[in-house]
């Protein structure tokens, strides 16, 4: 391709910012980042915002390359035929290539009463609202957190450390991703903070009322403030724009992260479903996905064949308040291993991981093209072969666990 190339990135989260910064390697590429907020949201710190220990925002000037044009607006439609996007405030922005990085949020709760009486925490505005609600509630008010993934665990711990009376309703297993050893460490940490953990098949919420949570086994949990962290959803922009998505609305792509419908559209982050096998939601996935999406676009501009995505996730970090945490290590196929680090060391590693994500974005802004990700996914090719009905490769079992 000759002349200037316009690339639009929709979404200014971890993956979108990484992609936008990396695209500035070429002087003949104009990069426009469209995001609904003027500041970057550290989503991994939203539970801290609720607890009052962090505001969970970073000035884009600290992490966004100078050559990237930031447009504070919301995209309401993608017109792939015209290669343009429509903005909520009116007007359109044209593109030669589009990177779809709209991120994710909480799923619409299907439980009766949850939408009316429970408070979500997946976005900055939701966390800010919840901060006010918790602050206005009496010190003795009962708080119930629904959902036992990282967000639920961290929110419960953060509020319990402040002296709140907290119940964590798991709807199944506490920390489903964790190895049983790591799960026991998390349970122990929550217990020390005074969090009541309700897990097992009977701990599924059936109804939320103004002052209680009803469980499937008939128990009623008093709750002045109910916080909803269960479920996963993505914006429906791709589906509304006529692009192919998976069942949850993630944009379907091939292994280069290119849309199955249009070679000019590349997806990254939580809203991407490469080969209908999306990665686990995490900063660890978002950063390499973002850099790979940019590389795919740069390859196409240069007339080269983009590579398949091959990066993996190495761990999961869970904070239990400000002083304790659990750092769960993983095999190369993103399954938890026995080894985990807990206590103060776990908390320090979690904080280091949060800071590292911002530093990696800032480093890529300063020196585009410098980001590397050493962790390889040792299982993805086997999953792809299984999905396609192909025979496994030799030594597949060894490759799956990185041995």
Protein backbone atom coordinates (compact mmCIF):
# COMPACT_ATOMS: atom_id res chain seq x y z
CA UNK A 1 0.00 0.00 0.00
CA UNK A 2 1.33 3.45 -0.91
CA UNK A 3 0.52 6.83 0.64
CA UNK A 4 -0.84 7.45 4.12
CA UNK A 5 -2.86 4.75 5.90
CA UNK A 6 -5.59 5.63 8.38
CA UNK A 7 -6.12 3.19 11.24
CA UNK A 8 -8.95 3.61 13.73
CA UNK A 9 -8.82 1.83 17.08
CA UNK A 10 -12.16 1.51 18.87
CA UNK A 11 -11.57 1.24 22.62
CA UNK A 12 -8.88 2.70 24.84
CA UNK A 13 -8.31 -0.12 27.31
CA UNK A 14 -5.18 -2.22 27.73
CA UNK A 15 -5.38 -3.92 24.32
CA UNK A 16 -6.52 -0.82 22.43
CA UNK A 17 -3.81 1.46 23.82
CA UNK A 18 -1.12 -1.15 23.20
CA UNK A 19 -2.28 -1.53 19.59
CA UNK A 20 -2.51 2.22 18.99
CA UNK A 21 0.97 2.85 20.39
CA UNK A 22 2.53 0.04 18.38
CA UNK A 23 1.02 1.30 15.12
CA UNK A 24 3.04 4.52 15.38
CA UNK A 25 6.16 2.64 14.28
CA UNK A 26 5.38 3.81 10.74
CA UNK A 27 5.39 7.51 9.90
CA UNK A 28 2.91 6.91 7.08
CA UNK A 29 0.23 5.54 9.44
CA UNK A 30 -2.27 7.91 11.06
CA UNK A 31 -3.76 6.43 14.24
CA UNK A 32 -7.06 7.54 15.77
CA UNK A 33 -8.14 6.08 19.11
CA UNK A 34 -11.84 6.44 19.90
CA UNK A 35 -12.81 5.97 23.54
CA UNK A 36 -15.85 7.11 25.54
CA UNK A 37 -13.74 8.50 28.41
CA UNK A 38 -10.90 11.07 28.46
CA UNK A 39 -8.84 8.97 30.88
CA UNK A 40 -7.54 5.40 30.88
CA UNK A 41 -9.33 3.09 33.31
CA UNK A 42 -7.24 0.64 35.32
CA UNK A 43 -9.94 -1.96 35.43
CA UNK A 44 -7.84 -4.18 37.68
CA UNK A 45 -8.13 -1.50 40.36
CA UNK A 46 -11.89 -0.88 40.31
CA UNK A 47 -12.30 -2.80 43.57
CA UNK A 48 -9.76 -0.40 45.10
CA UNK A 49 -11.84 2.52 43.90
CA UNK A 50 -14.82 1.07 45.75
CA UNK A 51 -12.69 0.69 48.86
CA UNK A 52 -11.18 4.15 48.52
CA UNK A 53 -7.50 3.23 48.09
CA UNK A 54 -7.19 4.23 44.38
CA UNK A 55 -9.08 6.24 41.76
CA UNK A 56 -8.39 3.59 39.07
CA UNK A 57 -7.64 6.12 36.32
CA UNK A 58 -4.47 7.14 34.47
CA UNK A 59 -3.95 10.21 32.32
CA UNK A 60 -3.67 9.14 28.68
CA UNK A 61 -0.74 11.53 28.31
CA UNK A 62 1.29 9.12 30.43
CA UNK A 63 0.63 6.02 28.33
CA UNK A 64 -0.49 7.08 24.85
CA UNK A 65 2.00 7.83 22.08
CA UNK A 66 2.10 11.48 21.04
CA UNK A 67 1.26 10.56 17.48
CA UNK A 68 -2.08 9.00 18.41
CA UNK A 69 -5.15 11.19 18.02
CA UNK A 70 -7.60 10.65 20.89
CA UNK A 71 -11.29 11.15 20.13
CA UNK A 72 -13.52 11.07 23.21
CA UNK A 73 -16.72 9.61 21.83
CA UNK A 74 -18.65 6.36 21.39
CA UNK A 75 -18.88 4.40 18.17
CA UNK A 76 -22.48 3.43 17.44
CA UNK A 77 -21.97 1.58 14.15
CA UNK A 78 -19.26 0.17 11.91
CA UNK A 79 -19.89 0.41 8.17
CA UNK A 80 -17.46 -2.15 6.76
CA UNK A 81 -18.50 -1.48 3.15
CA UNK A 82 -17.79 2.24 3.45
CA UNK A 83 -14.86 1.73 5.86
CA UNK A 84 -16.18 4.20 8.36
CA UNK A 85 -17.54 4.36 11.89
CA UNK A 86 -20.43 6.47 13.13
CA UNK A 87 -20.03 8.46 16.34
CA UNK A 88 -22.66 9.05 19.02
CA UNK A 89 -22.15 12.79 18.81
CA UNK A 90 -22.68 12.77 15.06
CA UNK A 91 -20.43 12.45 12.08
CA UNK A 92 -18.25 9.62 10.88
CA UNK A 93 -14.57 8.70 10.89
CA UNK A 94 -13.13 6.86 7.91
CA UNK A 95 -10.45 4.19 8.04
CA UNK A 96 -8.26 1.97 5.92
CA UNK A 97 -7.96 -0.52 8.78
CA UNK A 98 -9.99 -0.87 11.95
CA UNK A 99 -8.90 -2.43 15.25
CA UNK A 100 -11.88 -3.56 17.33
CA UNK A 101 -10.90 -3.30 21.02
CA UNK A 102 -14.18 -2.47 22.75
CA UNK A 103 -13.38 -4.57 25.84
CA UNK A 104 -15.90 -6.24 28.10
CA UNK A 105 -18.19 -5.62 31.03
CA UNK A 106 -20.60 -7.44 33.25
CA UNK A 107 -23.38 -9.53 31.78
CA UNK A 108 -26.97 -8.42 32.17
CA UNK A 109 -28.12 -10.31 35.27
CA UNK A 110 -30.97 -12.68 34.54
CA UNK A 111 -31.78 -13.19 38.22
CA UNK A 112 -35.03 -11.52 39.31
CA UNK A 113 -34.34 -8.30 41.21
CA UNK A 114 -30.62 -8.16 40.39
CA UNK A 115 -30.92 -5.33 37.88
CA UNK A 116 -33.02 -3.28 40.32
CA UNK A 117 -31.27 -3.93 43.63
CA UNK A 118 -27.71 -5.10 42.95
CA UNK A 119 -24.78 -2.87 42.04
CA UNK A 120 -22.39 -3.89 39.24
CA UNK A 121 -18.70 -2.96 39.31
CA UNK A 122 -17.40 -3.70 35.79
CA UNK A 123 -17.02 -0.07 34.63
CA UNK A 124 -15.55 3.11 36.08
CA UNK A 125 -18.95 4.74 36.45
CA UNK A 126 -20.42 1.67 38.14
CA UNK A 127 -17.50 1.50 40.59
CA UNK A 128 -17.79 5.22 41.37
CA UNK A 129 -21.50 4.86 42.05
CA UNK A 130 -20.88 1.85 44.28
CA UNK A 131 -18.20 3.80 46.16
CA UNK A 132 -20.83 6.39 47.07
CA UNK A 133 -23.39 3.75 48.02
CA UNK A 134 -20.97 1.96 50.34
CA UNK A 135 -19.83 5.25 51.81
CA UNK A 136 -23.41 6.26 52.59
CA UNK A 137 -24.31 2.90 54.15
CA UNK A 138 -24.05 2.54 57.95
CA UNK A 139 -20.84 0.94 59.22
CA UNK A 140 -22.86 -2.03 60.44
CA UNK A 141 -24.65 -2.55 57.10
CA UNK A 142 -24.42 -6.03 55.65
CA UNK A 143 -22.69 -6.30 52.26
CA UNK A 144 -23.18 -9.27 49.95
CA UNK A 145 -20.88 -9.85 46.97
CA UNK A 146 -22.25 -12.21 44.31
CA UNK A 147 -19.66 -13.96 42.15
CA UNK A 148 -16.44 -15.67 43.23
CA UNK A 149 -14.11 -14.82 40.38
CA UNK A 150 -11.20 -12.41 40.94
CA UNK A 151 -13.42 -9.32 40.97
CA UNK A 152 -15.80 -10.79 43.54
CA UNK A 153 -13.00 -12.06 45.77
CA UNK A 154 -11.07 -8.80 45.62
CA UNK A 155 -14.11 -6.61 46.23
CA UNK A 156 -15.20 -8.71 49.21
CA UNK A 157 -11.71 -8.60 50.71
CA UNK A 158 -11.28 -4.87 50.09
CA UNK A 159 -14.49 -4.00 51.93
CA UNK A 160 -13.94 -6.51 54.74
CA UNK A 161 -10.52 -5.00 55.40
CA UNK A 162 -12.32 -1.70 55.99
CA UNK A 163 -14.39 -3.36 58.70
CA UNK A 164 -17.50 -4.08 56.64
CA UNK A 165 -19.59 -7.19 57.31
CA UNK A 166 -19.22 -9.08 54.03
CA UNK A 167 -20.71 -12.30 52.65
CA UNK A 168 -19.32 -13.73 49.41
CA UNK A 169 -21.84 -15.85 47.50
CA UNK A 170 -19.96 -18.06 45.07
CA UNK A 171 -22.70 -19.71 43.04
CA UNK A 172 -20.44 -22.76 42.95
CA UNK A 173 -16.70 -22.95 43.60
CA UNK A 174 -14.61 -20.18 45.15
CA UNK A 175 -12.10 -18.99 42.55
CA UNK A 176 -12.91 -21.57 39.84
CA UNK A 177 -9.65 -20.95 37.98
CA UNK A 178 -7.43 -21.51 41.01
CA UNK A 179 -5.63 -24.73 41.88
CA UNK A 180 -7.11 -26.31 45.04
CA UNK A 181 -3.99 -25.21 46.95
CA UNK A 182 -4.39 -21.62 45.78
CA UNK A 183 -8.10 -21.79 46.53
CA UNK A 184 -7.36 -22.83 50.11
CA UNK A 185 -5.01 -19.85 50.47
CA UNK A 186 -7.70 -17.48 49.21
CA UNK A 187 -10.29 -19.04 51.55
CA UNK A 188 -7.90 -18.68 54.47
CA UNK A 189 -7.22 -15.03 53.63
CA UNK A 190 -10.92 -14.24 53.35
CA UNK A 191 -11.60 -15.98 56.64
CA UNK A 192 -8.96 -13.88 58.41
CA UNK A 193 -10.69 -10.77 57.09
CA UNK A 194 -14.03 -12.00 58.44
CA UNK A 195 -15.64 -12.69 55.06
CA UNK A 196 -18.37 -15.34 55.17
CA UNK A 197 -17.99 -17.53 52.08
CA UNK A 198 -21.05 -19.40 50.81
CA UNK A 199 -20.06 -21.90 48.14
CA UNK A 200 -21.28 -25.20 46.73
CA UNK A 201 -24.36 -26.05 44.64
CA UNK A 202 -26.74 -24.48 47.14
CA UNK A 203 -25.08 -21.07 46.90
CA UNK A 204 -26.70 -19.96 43.67
CA UNK A 205 -28.69 -16.72 43.84
CA UNK A 206 -32.31 -17.00 42.71
CA UNK A 207 -33.67 -13.60 43.74
CA UNK A 208 -32.34 -10.24 44.90
CA UNK A 209 -34.52 -7.95 46.96
CA UNK A 210 -33.90 -4.53 48.45
CA UNK A 211 -32.54 -5.98 51.69
CA UNK A 212 -31.74 -9.66 51.03
CA UNK A 213 -30.41 -12.28 48.65
CA UNK A 214 -32.31 -15.56 48.19
CA UNK A 215 -30.35 -18.75 47.45
CA UNK A 216 -31.48 -21.82 45.56
CA UNK A 217 -31.35 -24.00 48.69
CA UNK A 218 -33.82 -21.74 50.46
CA UNK A 219 -31.39 -19.66 52.51
CA UNK A 220 -31.93 -15.94 52.78
CA UNK A 221 -28.87 -13.70 53.21
CA UNK A 222 -29.58 -10.26 54.69
CA UNK A 223 -28.00 -7.62 52.47
CA UNK A 224 -28.12 -3.86 52.76
CA UNK A 225 -25.74 -3.49 49.79
CA UNK A 226 -25.62 -6.23 47.15
CA UNK A 227 -22.72 -6.16 44.68
CA UNK A 228 -23.00 -8.15 41.45
CA UNK A 229 -19.73 -9.37 39.91
CA UNK A 230 -20.97 -12.56 38.21
CA UNK A 231 -21.10 -12.95 34.46
CA UNK A 232 -19.23 -11.66 31.42
CA UNK A 233 -20.47 -9.63 28.49
CA UNK A 234 -19.15 -7.52 25.62
CA UNK A 235 -20.65 -4.55 23.79
CA UNK A 236 -22.92 -5.55 20.91
CA UNK A 237 -21.34 -3.14 18.42
CA UNK A 238 -19.98 -5.90 16.14
CA UNK A 239 -23.30 -7.74 15.98
CA UNK A 240 -25.27 -4.55 15.40
CA UNK A 241 -22.89 -3.72 12.58
CA UNK A 242 -23.55 -7.01 10.81
CA UNK A 243 -20.24 -8.66 11.66
CA UNK A 244 -19.93 -12.31 12.71
CA UNK A 245 -19.68 -12.88 16.46
CA UNK A 246 -19.67 -15.76 18.91
CA UNK A 247 -22.59 -16.47 21.25
CA UNK A 248 -21.47 -13.74 23.67
CA UNK A 249 -20.95 -11.10 20.99
CA UNK A 250 -17.16 -11.27 20.61
CA UNK A 251 -15.95 -10.60 17.08
CA UNK A 252 -15.02 -13.84 15.32
CA UNK A 253 -11.54 -13.82 13.82
CA UNK A 254 -8.94 -16.16 12.44
CA UNK A 255 -5.68 -16.81 14.30
CA UNK A 256 -4.13 -13.58 12.98
CA UNK A 257 -6.99 -11.74 14.78
CA UNK A 258 -8.49 -10.70 11.44
CA UNK A 259 -12.29 -10.66 11.19
CA UNK A 260 -13.72 -13.65 9.34
CA UNK A 261 -15.84 -11.15 7.38
CA UNK A 262 -13.38 -8.40 6.45
CA UNK A 263 -9.59 -8.37 6.12
CA UNK A 264 -9.60 -4.66 7.01
CA UNK A 265 -10.98 -5.32 10.50
CA UNK A 266 -8.82 -6.79 13.27
CA UNK A 267 -10.06 -7.57 16.78
CA UNK A 268 -8.16 -7.66 20.05
CA UNK A 269 -8.68 -7.94 23.80
CA UNK A 270 -11.76 -9.29 25.54
CA UNK A 271 -14.02 -8.67 22.54
CA UNK A 272 -12.00 -10.93 20.20
CA UNK A 273 -12.76 -14.60 19.62
CA UNK A 274 -9.94 -16.02 17.47
CA UNK A 275 -11.10 -19.32 15.96
CA UNK A 276 -13.98 -19.15 18.46
CA UNK A 277 -11.43 -19.96 21.19
CA UNK A 278 -11.10 -16.66 23.11
CA UNK A 279 -8.42 -16.16 25.71
CA UNK A 280 -9.19 -15.66 29.39
CA UNK A 281 -10.03 -12.08 30.31
CA UNK A 282 -6.87 -10.54 31.79
CA UNK A 283 -4.24 -7.85 31.30
CA UNK A 284 -1.83 -10.67 30.55
CA UNK A 285 -3.90 -11.55 27.51
CA UNK A 286 -4.82 -7.98 26.53
CA UNK A 287 -1.27 -6.66 26.13
CA UNK A 288 0.08 -9.33 23.76
CA UNK A 289 -3.26 -9.42 21.92
CA UNK A 290 -3.01 -5.66 21.43
CA UNK A 291 0.53 -5.80 20.12
CA UNK A 292 -0.34 -8.70 17.81
CA UNK A 293 -3.36 -6.88 16.39
CA UNK A 294 -1.12 -3.94 15.52
CA UNK A 295 1.44 -6.27 13.96
CA UNK A 296 -1.28 -7.85 11.82
CA UNK A 297 -2.29 -4.45 10.47
CA UNK A 298 1.33 -3.42 9.91
CA UNK A 299 2.00 -6.68 8.08
CA UNK A 300 -0.95 -6.08 5.77
CA UNK A 301 0.15 -2.52 5.08
CA UNK A 302 3.58 -3.87 4.15
CA UNK A 303 2.05 -6.55 1.92
CA UNK A 304 3.21 -9.35 4.21
CA UNK A 305 1.31 -12.33 5.60
CA UNK A 306 0.42 -11.79 9.29
CA UNK A 307 1.49 -14.44 11.79
CA UNK A 308 -0.86 -16.48 13.95
CA UNK A 309 -1.23 -15.46 17.56
CA UNK A 310 0.73 -17.78 19.85
CA UNK A 311 1.12 -16.04 23.20
CA UNK A 312 -0.10 -17.46 26.51
CA UNK A 313 -0.99 -16.49 30.06
CA UNK A 314 1.36 -17.30 32.90
CA UNK A 315 -0.54 -16.61 36.11
CA UNK A 316 -3.49 -15.10 37.93
CA UNK A 317 -3.08 -12.49 40.68
CA UNK A 318 -5.72 -12.01 43.38
CA UNK A 319 -5.47 -9.36 46.08
CA UNK A 320 -7.00 -9.92 49.50
CA UNK A 321 -7.04 -6.36 50.72
CA UNK A 322 -3.97 -4.15 50.69
CA UNK A 323 -1.59 -6.43 52.61
CA UNK A 324 -2.23 -9.99 51.39
CA UNK A 325 -2.58 -11.63 48.01
CA UNK A 326 -2.29 -14.89 46.08
CA UNK A 327 -0.17 -15.23 42.95
CA UNK A 328 -1.34 -18.38 41.16
CA UNK A 329 1.13 -19.70 38.60
CA UNK A 330 -0.10 -21.52 35.51
CA UNK A 331 1.05 -24.05 32.96
CA UNK A 332 1.54 -22.90 29.38
CA UNK A 333 -1.99 -24.02 28.55
CA UNK A 334 -3.38 -21.57 31.15
CA UNK A 335 -4.38 -24.18 33.70
CA UNK A 336 -3.41 -23.50 37.29
CA UNK A 337 -0.46 -25.43 38.69
CA UNK A 338 0.12 -26.45 42.30
CA UNK A 339 2.62 -23.65 42.85
CA UNK A 340 1.32 -20.37 44.18
CA UNK A 341 2.70 -17.55 46.31
CA UNK A 342 0.62 -16.03 49.06
CA UNK A 343 0.67 -13.58 51.96
CA UNK A 344 2.57 -10.29 51.71
CA UNK A 345 4.66 -11.62 48.83
CA UNK A 346 1.48 -12.42 46.92
CA UNK A 347 0.24 -8.86 47.51
CA UNK A 348 3.53 -7.37 46.33
CA UNK A 349 3.46 -9.48 43.18
CA UNK A 350 -0.12 -8.43 42.44
CA UNK A 351 0.78 -4.76 42.84
CA UNK A 352 3.87 -5.25 40.68
CA UNK A 353 1.72 -6.85 37.97
CA UNK A 354 -0.73 -3.92 38.02
CA UNK A 355 2.10 -1.39 37.75
CA UNK A 356 3.83 -3.44 35.08
CA UNK A 357 0.81 -3.27 32.78
CA UNK A 358 0.86 0.52 32.85
CA UNK A 359 4.63 0.59 32.41
CA UNK A 360 4.42 -1.67 29.36
CA UNK A 361 1.92 0.70 27.76
CA UNK A 362 4.11 3.71 28.55
CA UNK A 363 7.21 1.94 27.22
CA UNK A 364 5.45 1.10 23.95
CA UNK A 365 4.32 4.73 23.64
CA UNK A 366 7.91 5.90 24.07
CA UNK A 367 9.43 3.22 21.85
CA UNK A 368 6.80 1.66 19.59
CA UNK A 369 7.54 -1.90 18.54
CA UNK A 370 9.51 -2.70 21.68
CA UNK A 371 6.85 -4.76 23.47
CA UNK A 372 7.57 -8.46 23.72
CA UNK A 373 5.75 -11.25 25.53
CA UNK A 374 7.88 -14.28 26.45
CA UNK A 375 5.05 -16.66 27.40
CA UNK A 376 4.02 -19.05 24.64
CA UNK A 377 0.70 -20.91 24.54
CA UNK A 378 1.66 -24.58 24.50
CA UNK A 379 -1.90 -25.82 24.11
CA UNK A 380 -3.61 -23.59 21.56
CA UNK A 381 -2.49 -25.54 18.49
CA UNK A 382 -3.80 -28.74 20.03
CA UNK A 383 -7.14 -27.09 20.75
CA UNK A 384 -7.30 -25.89 17.17
CA UNK A 385 -6.51 -29.37 15.85
CA UNK A 386 -9.19 -30.88 18.06
CA UNK A 387 -11.70 -28.25 16.92
CA UNK A 388 -10.91 -29.09 13.30
CA UNK A 389 -11.02 -32.83 13.92
CA UNK A 390 -7.33 -33.29 13.11
CA UNK A 391 -4.95 -35.78 14.70
CA UNK A 392 -2.86 -34.46 17.64
CA UNK A 393 0.75 -33.57 16.98
CA UNK A 394 3.56 -35.77 18.37
CA UNK A 395 4.46 -35.07 21.99
CA UNK A 396 1.26 -33.06 22.41
CA UNK A 397 1.02 -33.92 26.10
CA UNK A 398 4.51 -32.63 26.74
CA UNK A 399 3.92 -29.43 24.78
CA UNK A 400 0.69 -28.75 26.62
CA UNK A 401 2.47 -28.39 29.92
CA UNK A 402 5.61 -26.72 28.68
CA UNK A 403 7.94 -29.59 29.61
